[in-house]
Structure formats: structure tokens, C-alpha cells
Amino acid sequence: MALVTITEAARLAGTVRSNLYQAYINTGILSVTKDSKGRPKVDTSELLRVFGELKAGQDTSTPLDTQQDGADKAGQDTGQQAVIEVLKQQLDEAREREQFYQQQIRELTNTMKLLEHRPQPQTRRHWWKFWTVGGG
């Protein structure tokens, strides 16, 4: 594959150069090589590995393609809305469960406090009471 500059790699990846450095190059996710003059270059195969499909310079789709994409997107939006609704419902149920369990924990904690055995402190007996008749 071809070697491109960092700026060109950022454009192909659809991000900015500083983000490419911070998030991918400095962390080691994207490897960089140096050309004969010591300038950093990125292999396009590395970009494909990390980012998947690369963005081209200009959009060359036809209006017919755009209409088909619009119909597909409308179908996807409906499906995504349904998924969002299901997830919202599951989240509400999880919150209700959490509140129920928190209440149970509070009640059980209070019950345990009531059941807890606390021995009465022993009263200290004085030595001279040993010799008395009642012993106490």
C-alpha cells in the first residue's frame, strides 16, 4: 500500500491531525514509519486496519444512489427508534428494580440492628461484698 503524510492520513480517516496523534499514534494503535528524509508517514493499510473504510476526497454518488440511501436510512431510523424504545423500557425496569432492592437493603439493615445482641455491661463487684451473706 501507499505511504501518506499524517495530514493526509487524518483526512482519509475523517479526523483531525492532533486527534490522530493523541488517540492513535501516541497510544500505539496506529504505527508510523519515516521516509528517507525522516518525515513521518502512515501506510494506508494501517489506516484501513484501524479505521476500516477510508473517506475519499469528494462524494461521487448519484442522485439515484442518494434516494436509495434515504429509503434505507428511513428504514434504519424506524428500526433504531424501536430499539431505543425497548432500551428505555429496560432501563426504567432496571431503575425500578434497583429502587426495590435498595429499599429491601434498608429494611433488612434496620431489622438486623434490632436483632443485634448487645450484652449488658457487667457491673463491677466490690471485693468486700464477697464476705457478705447475700454475696451481692
Protein backbone atom coordinates (compact mmCIF):
# COMPACT_ATOMS: atom_id res chain seq x y z
CA MET A 1 0.00 0.00 0.00
CA ALA A 2 0.99 3.64 -0.29
CA LEU A 3 2.56 5.84 2.34
CA VAL A 4 0.77 9.13 3.09
CA THR A 5 1.57 12.09 5.32
CA ILE A 6 -0.01 12.46 8.75
CA THR A 7 -2.25 15.27 7.48
CA GLU A 8 -3.41 13.17 4.54
CA ALA A 9 -3.94 10.19 6.84
CA ALA A 10 -6.11 12.33 9.12
CA ARG A 11 -8.16 13.50 6.14
CA LEU A 12 -8.62 9.92 4.89
CA ALA A 13 -9.59 8.76 8.38
CA GLY A 14 -12.08 11.59 8.80
CA THR A 15 -10.42 13.12 11.85
CA VAL A 16 -8.04 15.95 12.63
CA ARG A 17 -4.29 15.60 12.78
CA SER A 18 -3.97 16.36 16.50
CA ASN A 19 -6.61 13.73 17.34
CA LEU A 20 -4.80 11.23 15.12
CA TYR A 21 -1.61 11.83 17.10
CA GLN A 22 -3.20 11.82 20.56
CA ALA A 23 -5.65 8.96 20.20
CA TYR A 24 -3.92 6.64 17.75
CA ILE A 25 -0.23 7.31 17.13
CA ASN A 26 0.93 8.20 20.67
CA THR A 27 -1.02 5.27 22.14
CA GLY A 28 0.47 2.83 19.63
CA ILE A 29 -2.78 1.91 17.91
CA LEU A 30 -1.58 3.31 14.59
CA SER A 31 2.03 2.70 13.56
CA VAL A 32 4.05 5.35 11.76
CA THR A 33 7.12 4.91 9.57
CA LYS A 34 9.69 7.50 8.45
CA ASP A 35 10.57 8.18 4.85
CA SER A 36 14.13 8.70 3.57
CA LYS A 37 14.11 12.32 4.77
CA GLY A 38 12.89 11.36 8.25
CA ARG A 39 9.33 12.63 7.82
CA PRO A 40 6.56 10.57 9.46
CA LYS A 41 4.36 8.62 7.07
CA VAL A 42 1.43 6.29 7.58
CA ASP A 43 0.76 3.25 5.44
CA THR A 44 -2.78 3.22 4.04
CA SER A 45 -3.11 -0.43 5.03
CA GLU A 46 -2.60 0.69 8.65
CA LEU A 47 -5.38 3.24 8.20
CA LEU A 48 -7.65 0.54 6.81
CA ARG A 49 -6.81 -1.73 9.74
CA VAL A 50 -7.60 0.92 12.34
CA PHE A 51 -10.43 2.92 10.73
CA GLY A 52 -11.99 0.49 8.27
CA GLU A 53 -13.22 2.14 5.09
CA LEU A 54 -11.37 5.35 4.26
CA LYS A 55 -13.07 8.56 3.20
CA ALA A 56 -12.47 9.71 -0.37
CA GLY A 57 -11.78 13.28 -1.45
CA GLN A 58 -15.23 14.05 -2.89
CA ASP A 59 -18.60 12.34 -2.83
CA THR A 60 -19.33 10.88 -6.27
CA SER A 61 -22.73 9.32 -5.54
CA THR A 62 -25.56 9.92 -7.99
CA PRO A 63 -28.98 11.31 -7.01
CA LEU A 64 -30.46 7.82 -7.53
CA ASP A 65 -27.98 6.41 -5.03
CA THR A 66 -28.92 9.19 -2.62
CA GLN A 67 -32.61 8.33 -2.92
CA GLN A 68 -31.93 4.67 -2.24
CA ASP A 69 -29.74 5.61 0.70
CA GLY A 70 -32.54 7.84 2.01
CA ALA A 71 -35.02 4.96 1.87
CA ASP A 72 -32.55 2.68 3.63
CA LYS A 73 -31.89 5.33 6.27
CA ALA A 74 -35.63 5.78 6.88
CA GLY A 75 -35.97 2.04 7.47
CA GLN A 76 -32.94 2.09 9.73
CA ASP A 77 -34.33 5.07 11.66
CA THR A 78 -37.59 3.23 12.33
CA GLY A 79 -35.72 0.16 13.50
CA GLN A 80 -33.39 2.26 15.61
CA GLN A 81 -36.33 4.07 17.21
CA ALA A 82 -37.87 0.72 18.14
CA VAL A 83 -34.59 -0.42 19.66
CA ILE A 84 -34.31 2.87 21.56
CA GLU A 85 -37.82 2.44 22.98
CA VAL A 86 -37.07 -1.11 24.10
CA LEU A 87 -33.83 0.01 25.72
CA LYS A 88 -35.59 2.88 27.50
CA GLN A 89 -38.18 0.46 28.84
CA GLN A 90 -35.46 -1.91 30.05
CA LEU A 91 -33.65 1.00 31.70
CA ASP A 92 -36.83 2.05 33.53
CA GLU A 93 -37.38 -1.52 34.72
CA ALA A 94 -33.78 -1.73 35.91
CA ARG A 95 -34.17 1.53 37.85
CA GLU A 96 -37.36 0.25 39.48
CA ARG A 97 -35.57 -2.99 40.42
CA GLU A 98 -32.69 -1.04 41.87
CA GLN A 99 -35.03 1.10 43.98
CA PHE A 100 -36.82 -2.02 45.21
CA TYR A 101 -33.55 -3.70 46.18
CA GLN A 102 -32.25 -0.56 47.87
CA GLN A 103 -35.44 -0.44 49.95
CA GLN A 104 -35.03 -4.12 50.83
CA ILE A 105 -31.45 -3.49 51.93
CA ARG A 106 -32.55 -0.60 54.15
CA GLU A 107 -35.32 -2.67 55.74
CA LEU A 108 -33.06 -5.67 56.36
CA THR A 109 -30.35 -3.44 57.80
CA ASN A 110 -32.85 -1.92 60.23
CA THR A 111 -34.11 -5.39 61.19
CA MET A 112 -30.56 -6.60 61.83
CA LYS A 113 -29.91 -3.61 64.05
CA LEU A 114 -32.95 -4.57 66.13
CA LEU A 115 -31.83 -8.20 66.38
CA GLU A 116 -28.23 -7.46 67.19
CA HIS A 117 -27.10 -8.91 70.55
CA ARG A 118 -25.63 -6.32 72.82
CA PRO A 119 -24.56 -7.77 76.15
CA GLN A 120 -25.20 -5.62 79.20
CA PRO A 121 -22.01 -4.30 80.70
CA GLN A 122 -21.09 -6.29 83.78
CA THR A 123 -21.29 -4.36 86.96
CA ARG A 124 -18.08 -4.49 88.85
CA ARG A 125 -18.43 -6.20 92.19
CA HIS A 126 -16.54 -4.82 95.07
CA TRP A 127 -14.24 -7.21 96.95
CA TRP A 128 -15.86 -6.68 100.33
CA LYS A 129 -19.22 -7.96 99.07
CA PHE A 130 -17.65 -11.39 98.81
CA TRP A 131 -17.81 -11.70 102.59
CA THR A 132 -21.40 -10.55 102.92
CA VAL A 133 -24.26 -13.02 103.37
CA GLY A 134 -26.11 -12.38 100.10
CA GLY A 135 -22.95 -12.09 98.04
CA GLY A 136 -24.26 -9.21 96.23
